[in-house]
Full PDB file with SEQRES, HELIX, SHEET, SSBOND, CRYST1, ORIGX, SCALE, CONECT and MASTER records, all heavy atoms in Angstrom:
SEQRES   1 A   32  GLY LYS GLN ARG GLU ALA VAL ALA SER ILE SER PRO ASP          
SEQRES   2 A   32  GLY SER THR ASN TYR VAL ASP SER VAL LYS GLY ARG PHE          
SEQRES   3 A   32  THR ILE SER ARG ASP THR                                      
HELIX    1 AA1 ASP A   20  VAL A   22  5                                   3    
SHEET    1 AA1 2 ALA A   8  ILE A  10  0                                        
SHEET    2 AA1 2 THR A  16  TYR A  18 -1                                        
CRYST1    1.000    1.000    1.000  90.00  90.00  90.00 P 1           1          
ORIGX1      1.000000  0.000000  0.000000        0.00000                         
ORIGX2      0.000000  1.000000  0.000000        0.00000                         
ORIGX3      0.000000  0.000000  1.000000        0.00000                         
SCALE1      1.000000  0.000000  0.000000        0.00000                         
SCALE2      0.000000  1.000000  0.000000        0.00000                         
SCALE3      0.000000  0.000000  1.000000        0.00000                         
ATOM      1  N   GLY A   1      26.321  63.086 175.315  1.00  0.00           N  
ATOM      2  CA  GLY A   1      24.958  62.841 175.504  1.00  0.00           C  
ATOM      3  C   GLY A   1      24.210  63.582 176.626  1.00  0.00           C  
ATOM      4  O   GLY A   1      23.066  63.368 176.917  1.00  0.00           O  
ATOM      5  N   LYS A   2      25.038  64.480 177.250  1.00  0.00           N  
ATOM      6  CA  LYS A   2      24.506  65.195 178.351  1.00  0.00           C  
ATOM      7  C   LYS A   2      24.557  66.702 178.137  1.00  0.00           C  
ATOM      8  O   LYS A   2      25.361  67.158 177.278  1.00  0.00           O  
ATOM      9  CB  LYS A   2      25.254  64.886 179.698  1.00  0.00           C  
ATOM     10  CG  LYS A   2      25.100  63.448 180.125  1.00  0.00           C  
ATOM     11  CD  LYS A   2      25.680  63.250 181.515  1.00  0.00           C  
ATOM     12  CE  LYS A   2      25.455  61.800 181.965  1.00  0.00           C  
ATOM     13  NZ  LYS A   2      26.055  61.584 183.365  1.00  0.00           N  
ATOM     14  N   GLN A   3      23.766  67.490 178.870  1.00  0.00           N  
ATOM     15  CA  GLN A   3      23.829  68.882 178.776  1.00  0.00           C  
ATOM     16  C   GLN A   3      25.059  69.479 179.549  1.00  0.00           C  
ATOM     17  O   GLN A   3      25.632  68.868 180.406  1.00  0.00           O  
ATOM     18  CB  GLN A   3      22.559  69.515 179.429  1.00  0.00           C  
ATOM     19  CG  GLN A   3      21.338  69.285 178.598  1.00  0.00           C  
ATOM     20  CD  GLN A   3      20.114  70.045 179.091  1.00  0.00           C  
ATOM     21  OE1 GLN A   3      20.017  70.420 180.282  1.00  0.00           O  
ATOM     22  NE2 GLN A   3      19.204  70.368 178.275  1.00  0.00           N  
ATOM     23  N   ARG A   4      25.510  70.610 179.028  1.00  0.00           N  
ATOM     24  CA  ARG A   4      26.693  71.285 179.677  1.00  0.00           C  
ATOM     25  C   ARG A   4      26.194  71.733 181.080  1.00  0.00           C  
ATOM     26  O   ARG A   4      25.112  72.258 181.238  1.00  0.00           O  
ATOM     27  CB  ARG A   4      27.063  72.501 178.850  1.00  0.00           C  
ATOM     28  CG  ARG A   4      28.409  73.131 179.298  1.00  0.00           C  
ATOM     29  CD  ARG A   4      28.846  74.206 178.303  1.00  0.00           C  
ATOM     30  NE  ARG A   4      29.105  73.691 176.997  1.00  0.00           N  
ATOM     31  CZ  ARG A   4      29.625  74.427 176.040  1.00  0.00           C  
ATOM     32  NH1 ARG A   4      29.964  75.666 176.280  1.00  0.00           N  
ATOM     33  NH2 ARG A   4      29.858  73.915 174.899  1.00  0.00           N  
ATOM     34  N   GLU A   5      27.127  71.481 181.993  1.00  0.00           N  
ATOM     35  CA  GLU A   5      26.754  71.859 183.373  1.00  0.00           C  
ATOM     36  C   GLU A   5      27.866  72.694 183.994  1.00  0.00           C  
ATOM     37  O   GLU A   5      29.054  72.622 183.655  1.00  0.00           O  
ATOM     38  CB  GLU A   5      26.579  70.652 184.286  1.00  0.00           C  
ATOM     39  CG  GLU A   5      27.833  69.772 184.511  1.00  0.00           C  
ATOM     40  CD  GLU A   5      27.670  68.773 185.636  1.00  0.00           C  
ATOM     41  OE1 GLU A   5      26.654  68.805 186.400  1.00  0.00           O  
ATOM     42  OE2 GLU A   5      28.539  67.930 185.765  1.00  0.00           O  
ATOM     43  N   ALA A   6      27.472  73.652 184.878  1.00  0.00           N  
ATOM     44  CA  ALA A   6      28.413  74.449 185.583  1.00  0.00           C  
ATOM     45  C   ALA A   6      29.124  73.619 186.637  1.00  0.00           C  
ATOM     46  O   ALA A   6      28.483  72.841 187.398  1.00  0.00           O  
ATOM     47  CB  ALA A   6      27.718  75.631 186.241  1.00  0.00           C  
ATOM     48  N   VAL A   7      30.420  73.733 186.732  1.00  0.00           N  
ATOM     49  CA  VAL A   7      31.262  72.945 187.669  1.00  0.00           C  
ATOM     50  C   VAL A   7      31.724  73.834 188.820  1.00  0.00           C  
ATOM     51  O   VAL A   7      31.551  73.462 189.982  1.00  0.00           O  
ATOM     52  CB  VAL A   7      32.464  72.347 186.979  1.00  0.00           C  
ATOM     53  CG1 VAL A   7      33.341  71.621 187.967  1.00  0.00           C  
ATOM     54  CG2 VAL A   7      32.067  71.419 185.895  1.00  0.00           C  
ATOM     55  N   ALA A   8      32.259  74.988 188.484  1.00  0.00           N  
ATOM     56  CA  ALA A   8      32.825  75.831 189.575  1.00  0.00           C  
ATOM     57  C   ALA A   8      32.902  77.277 189.004  1.00  0.00           C  
ATOM     58  O   ALA A   8      33.030  77.454 187.797  1.00  0.00           O  
ATOM     59  CB  ALA A   8      34.164  75.376 189.951  1.00  0.00           C  
ATOM     60  N   SER A   9      32.802  78.216 189.910  1.00  0.00           N  
ATOM     61  CA  SER A   9      32.943  79.673 189.506  1.00  0.00           C  
ATOM     62  C   SER A   9      33.617  80.439 190.611  1.00  0.00           C  
ATOM     63  O   SER A   9      33.641  80.047 191.795  1.00  0.00           O  
ATOM     64  CB  SER A   9      31.552  80.244 189.226  1.00  0.00           C  
ATOM     65  OG  SER A   9      30.723  80.223 190.383  1.00  0.00           O  
ATOM     66  N   ILE A  10      34.133  81.574 190.159  1.00  0.00           N  
ATOM     67  CA  ILE A  10      34.830  82.426 191.139  1.00  0.00           C  
ATOM     68  C   ILE A  10      34.479  83.901 190.788  1.00  0.00           C  
ATOM     69  O   ILE A  10      34.451  84.250 189.634  1.00  0.00           O  
ATOM     70  CB  ILE A  10      36.325  82.227 191.108  1.00  0.00           C  
ATOM     71  CG1 ILE A  10      37.041  83.072 192.256  1.00  0.00           C  
ATOM     72  CG2 ILE A  10      36.976  82.520 189.744  1.00  0.00           C  
ATOM     73  CD1 ILE A  10      38.486  82.583 192.453  1.00  0.00           C  
ATOM     74  N   SER A  11      34.142  84.666 191.786  1.00  0.00           N  
ATOM     75  CA  SER A  11      33.757  86.064 191.684  1.00  0.00           C  
ATOM     76  C   SER A  11      34.925  86.963 191.820  1.00  0.00           C  
ATOM     77  O   SER A  11      35.949  86.553 192.321  1.00  0.00           O  
ATOM     78  CB  SER A  11      32.642  86.424 192.707  1.00  0.00           C  
ATOM     79  OG  SER A  11      31.539  85.538 192.573  1.00  0.00           O  
ATOM     80  N   PRO A  12      34.724  88.276 191.480  1.00  0.00           N  
ATOM     81  CA  PRO A  12      35.880  89.138 191.635  1.00  0.00           C  
ATOM     82  C   PRO A  12      36.349  89.312 193.090  1.00  0.00           C  
ATOM     83  O   PRO A  12      37.552  89.555 193.307  1.00  0.00           O  
ATOM     84  CB  PRO A  12      35.326  90.494 191.168  1.00  0.00           C  
ATOM     85  CG  PRO A  12      34.276  90.106 190.159  1.00  0.00           C  
ATOM     86  CD  PRO A  12      33.695  88.796 190.681  1.00  0.00           C  
ATOM     87  N   ASP A  13      35.474  89.058 194.041  1.00  0.00           N  
ATOM     88  CA  ASP A  13      35.875  89.145 195.453  1.00  0.00           C  
ATOM     89  C   ASP A  13      36.550  87.836 195.969  1.00  0.00           C  
ATOM     90  O   ASP A  13      36.904  87.766 197.120  1.00  0.00           O  
ATOM     91  CB  ASP A  13      34.731  89.494 196.350  1.00  0.00           C  
ATOM     92  CG  ASP A  13      33.621  88.463 196.384  1.00  0.00           C  
ATOM     93  OD1 ASP A  13      33.778  87.416 195.709  1.00  0.00           O  
ATOM     94  OD2 ASP A  13      32.583  88.727 197.065  1.00  0.00           O  
ATOM     95  N   GLY A  14      36.633  86.898 195.059  1.00  0.00           N  
ATOM     96  CA  GLY A  14      37.256  85.595 195.426  1.00  0.00           C  
ATOM     97  C   GLY A  14      36.339  84.491 195.955  1.00  0.00           C  
ATOM     98  O   GLY A  14      36.756  83.421 196.158  1.00  0.00           O  
ATOM     99  N   SER A  15      35.042  84.827 196.075  1.00  0.00           N  
ATOM    100  CA  SER A  15      34.099  83.817 196.563  1.00  0.00           C  
ATOM    101  C   SER A  15      33.953  82.777 195.446  1.00  0.00           C  
ATOM    102  O   SER A  15      33.943  83.104 194.278  1.00  0.00           O  
ATOM    103  CB  SER A  15      32.800  84.434 196.917  1.00  0.00           C  
ATOM    104  OG  SER A  15      32.247  85.123 195.861  1.00  0.00           O  
ATOM    105  N   THR A  16      33.756  81.513 195.881  1.00  0.00           N  
ATOM    106  CA  THR A  16      33.669  80.413 194.901  1.00  0.00           C  
ATOM    107  C   THR A  16      32.352  79.646 195.085  1.00  0.00           C  
ATOM    108  O   THR A  16      31.788  79.637 196.209  1.00  0.00           O  
ATOM    109  CB  THR A  16      34.867  79.525 195.099  1.00  0.00           C  
ATOM    110  OG1 THR A  16      34.932  79.052 196.434  1.00  0.00           O  
ATOM    111  CG2 THR A  16      36.125  80.231 194.721  1.00  0.00           C  
ATOM    112  N   ASN A  17      31.990  78.973 194.056  1.00  0.00           N  
ATOM    113  CA  ASN A  17      30.840  78.064 194.115  1.00  0.00           C  
ATOM    114  C   ASN A  17      31.200  76.742 193.374  1.00  0.00           C  
ATOM    115  O   ASN A  17      31.913  76.814 192.338  1.00  0.00           O  
ATOM    116  CB  ASN A  17      29.583  78.692 193.502  1.00  0.00           C  
ATOM    117  CG  ASN A  17      28.888  79.591 194.494  1.00  0.00           C  
ATOM    118  OD1 ASN A  17      28.349  79.142 195.513  1.00  0.00           O  
ATOM    119  ND2 ASN A  17      28.995  80.859 194.262  1.00  0.00           N  
ATOM    120  N   TYR A  18      30.664  75.661 193.807  1.00  0.00           N  
ATOM    121  CA  TYR A  18      30.919  74.368 193.143  1.00  0.00           C  
ATOM    122  C   TYR A  18      29.578  73.565 193.012  1.00  0.00           C  
ATOM    123  O   TYR A  18      28.721  73.628 193.939  1.00  0.00           O  
ATOM    124  CB  TYR A  18      31.918  73.525 193.983  1.00  0.00           C  
ATOM    125  CG  TYR A  18      33.205  74.201 194.148  1.00  0.00           C  
ATOM    126  CD1 TYR A  18      33.466  74.972 195.241  1.00  0.00           C  
ATOM    127  CD2 TYR A  18      34.234  73.974 193.246  1.00  0.00           C  
ATOM    128  CE1 TYR A  18      34.744  75.600 195.390  1.00  0.00           C  
ATOM    129  CE2 TYR A  18      35.462  74.542 193.378  1.00  0.00           C  
ATOM    130  CZ  TYR A  18      35.696  75.364 194.482  1.00  0.00           C  
ATOM    131  OH  TYR A  18      36.941  75.950 194.647  1.00  0.00           O  
ATOM    132  N   VAL A  19      29.537  72.821 191.986  1.00  0.00           N  
ATOM    133  CA  VAL A  19      28.401  71.804 191.929  1.00  0.00           C  
ATOM    134  C   VAL A  19      28.701  70.726 192.973  1.00  0.00           C  
ATOM    135  O   VAL A  19      29.827  70.444 193.264  1.00  0.00           O  
ATOM    136  CB  VAL A  19      28.339  71.242 190.507  1.00  0.00           C  
ATOM    137  CG1 VAL A  19      29.564  70.376 190.174  1.00  0.00           C  
ATOM    138  CG2 VAL A  19      27.083  70.465 190.271  1.00  0.00           C  
ATOM    139  N   ASP A  20      27.606  70.205 193.538  1.00  0.00           N  
ATOM    140  CA  ASP A  20      27.764  69.273 194.663  1.00  0.00           C  
ATOM    141  C   ASP A  20      28.717  68.103 194.325  1.00  0.00           C  
ATOM    142  O   ASP A  20      29.422  67.577 195.221  1.00  0.00           O  
ATOM    143  CB  ASP A  20      26.344  68.722 195.054  1.00  0.00           C  
ATOM    144  CG  ASP A  20      25.540  69.781 195.802  1.00  0.00           C  
ATOM    145  OD1 ASP A  20      26.168  70.786 196.246  1.00  0.00           O  
ATOM    146  OD2 ASP A  20      24.350  69.538 195.987  1.00  0.00           O  
ATOM    147  N   SER A  21      28.641  67.561 193.095  1.00  0.00           N  
ATOM    148  CA  SER A  21      29.379  66.398 192.758  1.00  0.00           C  
ATOM    149  C   SER A  21      30.905  66.579 192.783  1.00  0.00           C  
ATOM    150  O   SER A  21      31.621  65.551 192.761  1.00  0.00           O  
ATOM    151  CB  SER A  21      28.953  65.890 191.376  1.00  0.00           C  
ATOM    152  OG  SER A  21      29.208  66.915 190.408  1.00  0.00           O  
ATOM    153  N   VAL A  22      31.400  67.797 192.810  1.00  0.00           N  
ATOM    154  CA  VAL A  22      32.847  67.988 192.853  1.00  0.00           C  
ATOM    155  C   VAL A  22      33.348  68.650 194.110  1.00  0.00           C  
ATOM    156  O   VAL A  22      34.538  68.888 194.263  1.00  0.00           O  
ATOM    157  CB  VAL A  22      33.352  68.838 191.633  1.00  0.00           C  
ATOM    158  CG1 VAL A  22      32.811  68.237 190.344  1.00  0.00           C  
ATOM    159  CG2 VAL A  22      32.928  70.354 191.793  1.00  0.00           C  
ATOM    160  N   LYS A  23      32.413  69.012 195.022  1.00  0.00           N  
ATOM    161  CA  LYS A  23      32.818  69.650 196.288  1.00  0.00           C  
ATOM    162  C   LYS A  23      33.802  68.778 197.047  1.00  0.00           C  
ATOM    163  O   LYS A  23      33.598  67.604 197.230  1.00  0.00           O  
ATOM    164  CB  LYS A  23      31.585  69.977 197.114  1.00  0.00           C  
ATOM    165  CG  LYS A  23      30.767  71.168 196.642  1.00  0.00           C  
ATOM    166  CD  LYS A  23      29.602  71.460 197.552  1.00  0.00           C  
ATOM    167  CE  LYS A  23      28.776  72.622 196.998  1.00  0.00           C  
ATOM    168  NZ  LYS A  23      27.564  72.906 197.796  1.00  0.00           N  
ATOM    169  N   GLY A  24      34.904  69.387 197.562  1.00  0.00           N  
ATOM    170  CA  GLY A  24      35.877  68.628 198.262  1.00  0.00           C  
ATOM    171  C   GLY A  24      36.888  67.984 197.398  1.00  0.00           C  
ATOM    172  O   GLY A  24      37.929  67.503 197.893  1.00  0.00           O  
ATOM    173  N   ARG A  25      36.682  68.000 196.073  1.00  0.00           N  
ATOM    174  CA  ARG A  25      37.663  67.356 195.175  1.00  0.00           C  
ATOM    175  C   ARG A  25      38.254  68.425 194.212  1.00  0.00           C  
ATOM    176  O   ARG A  25      39.417  68.295 193.817  1.00  0.00           O  
ATOM    177  CB  ARG A  25      36.979  66.282 194.322  1.00  0.00           C  
ATOM    178  CG  ARG A  25      36.430  65.164 195.195  1.00  0.00           C  
ATOM    179  CD  ARG A  25      35.978  63.999 194.343  1.00  0.00           C  
ATOM    180  NE  ARG A  25      34.876  64.350 193.437  1.00  0.00           N  
ATOM    181  CZ  ARG A  25      34.970  64.224 192.120  1.00  0.00           C  
ATOM    182  NH1 ARG A  25      36.022  63.774 191.547  1.00  0.00           N  
ATOM    183  NH2 ARG A  25      33.884  64.621 191.355  1.00  0.00           N  
ATOM    184  N   PHE A  26      37.476  69.380 193.783  1.00  0.00           N  
ATOM    185  CA  PHE A  26      37.930  70.385 192.850  1.00  0.00           C  
ATOM    186  C   PHE A  26      38.144  71.713 193.535  1.00  0.00           C  
ATOM    187  O   PHE A  26      37.345  72.039 194.459  1.00  0.00           O  
ATOM    188  CB  PHE A  26      36.905  70.601 191.696  1.00  0.00           C  
ATOM    189  CG  PHE A  26      36.795  69.382 190.760  1.00  0.00           C  
ATOM    190  CD1 PHE A  26      37.386  68.173 190.935  1.00  0.00           C  
ATOM    191  CD2 PHE A  26      36.082  69.558 189.600  1.00  0.00           C  
ATOM    192  CE1 PHE A  26      37.229  67.115 190.135  1.00  0.00           C  
ATOM    193  CE2 PHE A  26      35.952  68.473 188.698  1.00  0.00           C  
ATOM    194  CZ  PHE A  26      36.516  67.305 188.945  1.00  0.00           C  
ATOM    195  N   THR A  27      39.067  72.500 193.062  1.00  0.00           N  
ATOM    196  CA  THR A  27      39.285  73.844 193.547  1.00  0.00           C  
ATOM    197  C   THR A  27      39.534  74.772 192.360  1.00  0.00           C  
ATOM    198  O   THR A  27      40.433  74.590 191.583  1.00  0.00           O  
ATOM    199  CB  THR A  27      40.488  73.842 194.458  1.00  0.00           C  
ATOM    200  OG1 THR A  27      40.378  72.937 195.530  1.00  0.00           O  
ATOM    201  CG2 THR A  27      40.741  75.276 195.037  1.00  0.00           C  
ATOM    202  N   ILE A  28      38.708  75.879 192.341  1.00  0.00           N  
ATOM    203  CA  ILE A  28      38.910  76.879 191.341  1.00  0.00           C  
ATOM    204  C   ILE A  28      39.712  78.044 192.024  1.00  0.00           C  
ATOM    205  O   ILE A  28      39.476  78.355 193.201  1.00  0.00           O  
ATOM    206  CB  ILE A  28      37.569  77.433 190.834  1.00  0.00           C  
ATOM    207  CG1 ILE A  28      37.799  78.368 189.642  1.00  0.00           C  
ATOM    208  CG2 ILE A  28      36.701  78.091 191.937  1.00  0.00           C  
ATOM    209  CD1 ILE A  28      36.498  78.736 188.872  1.00  0.00           C  
ATOM    210  N   SER A  29      40.654  78.553 191.226  1.00  0.00           N  
ATOM    211  CA  SER A  29      41.484  79.678 191.765  1.00  0.00           C  
ATOM    212  C   SER A  29      41.762  80.614 190.571  1.00  0.00           C  
ATOM    213  O   SER A  29      41.604  80.280 189.442  1.00  0.00           O  
ATOM    214  CB  SER A  29      42.711  79.176 192.419  1.00  0.00           C  
ATOM    215  OG  SER A  29      43.511  78.450 191.493  1.00  0.00           O  
ATOM    216  N   ARG A  30      42.306  81.800 190.945  1.00  0.00           N  
ATOM    217  CA  ARG A  30      42.592  82.807 189.909  1.00  0.00           C  
ATOM    218  C   ARG A  30      44.001  83.442 190.254  1.00  0.00           C  
ATOM    219  O   ARG A  30      44.215  83.830 191.384  1.00  0.00           O  
ATOM    220  CB  ARG A  30      41.547  83.833 189.831  1.00  0.00           C  
ATOM    221  CG  ARG A  30      41.696  84.878 188.764  1.00  0.00           C  
ATOM    222  CD  ARG A  30      40.396  85.738 188.663  1.00  0.00           C  
ATOM    223  NE  ARG A  30      40.108  86.469 189.899  1.00  0.00           N  
ATOM    224  CZ  ARG A  30      40.452  87.799 189.999  1.00  0.00           C  
ATOM    225  NH1 ARG A  30      41.091  88.411 189.051  1.00  0.00           N  
ATOM    226  NH2 ARG A  30      40.131  88.472 191.129  1.00  0.00           N  
ATOM    227  N   ASP A  31      44.772  83.585 189.248  1.00  0.00           N  
ATOM    228  CA  ASP A  31      46.025  84.340 189.363  1.00  0.00           C  
ATOM    229  C   ASP A  31      45.733  85.700 188.801  1.00  0.00           C  
ATOM    230  O   ASP A  31      45.656  85.921 187.581  1.00  0.00           O  
ATOM    231  CB  ASP A  31      47.160  83.613 188.542  1.00  0.00           C  
ATOM    232  CG  ASP A  31      48.467  84.339 188.627  1.00  0.00           C  
ATOM    233  OD1 ASP A  31      48.505  85.572 188.818  1.00  0.00           O  
ATOM    234  OD2 ASP A  31      49.505  83.631 188.573  1.00  0.00           O  
ATOM    235  N   THR A  32      45.571  86.696 189.680  1.00  0.00           N  
ATOM    236  CA  THR A  32      45.129  87.964 189.252  1.00  0.00           C  
ATOM    237  C   THR A  32      46.077  88.676 188.281  1.00  0.00           C  
ATOM    238  O   THR A  32      45.619  89.194 187.269  1.00  0.00           O  
ATOM    239  CB  THR A  32      44.882  88.785 190.493  1.00  0.00           C  
ATOM    240  OG1 THR A  32      43.936  88.241 191.397  1.00  0.00           O  
ATOM    241  CG2 THR A  32      44.340  90.213 190.073  1.00  0.00           C  
TER     242      THR A  32                                                      
MASTER        0    0    0    1    2    0    0    6  241    1    0    3          
END                                                                             
């Protein structure tokens, strides 16, 4: 019943972004 929302993202340089509701709880990472 809700719209799709962005949770976390990671850029090629490794910088990350999180939606406020998951900050401090979720971690995005990449195995290059």
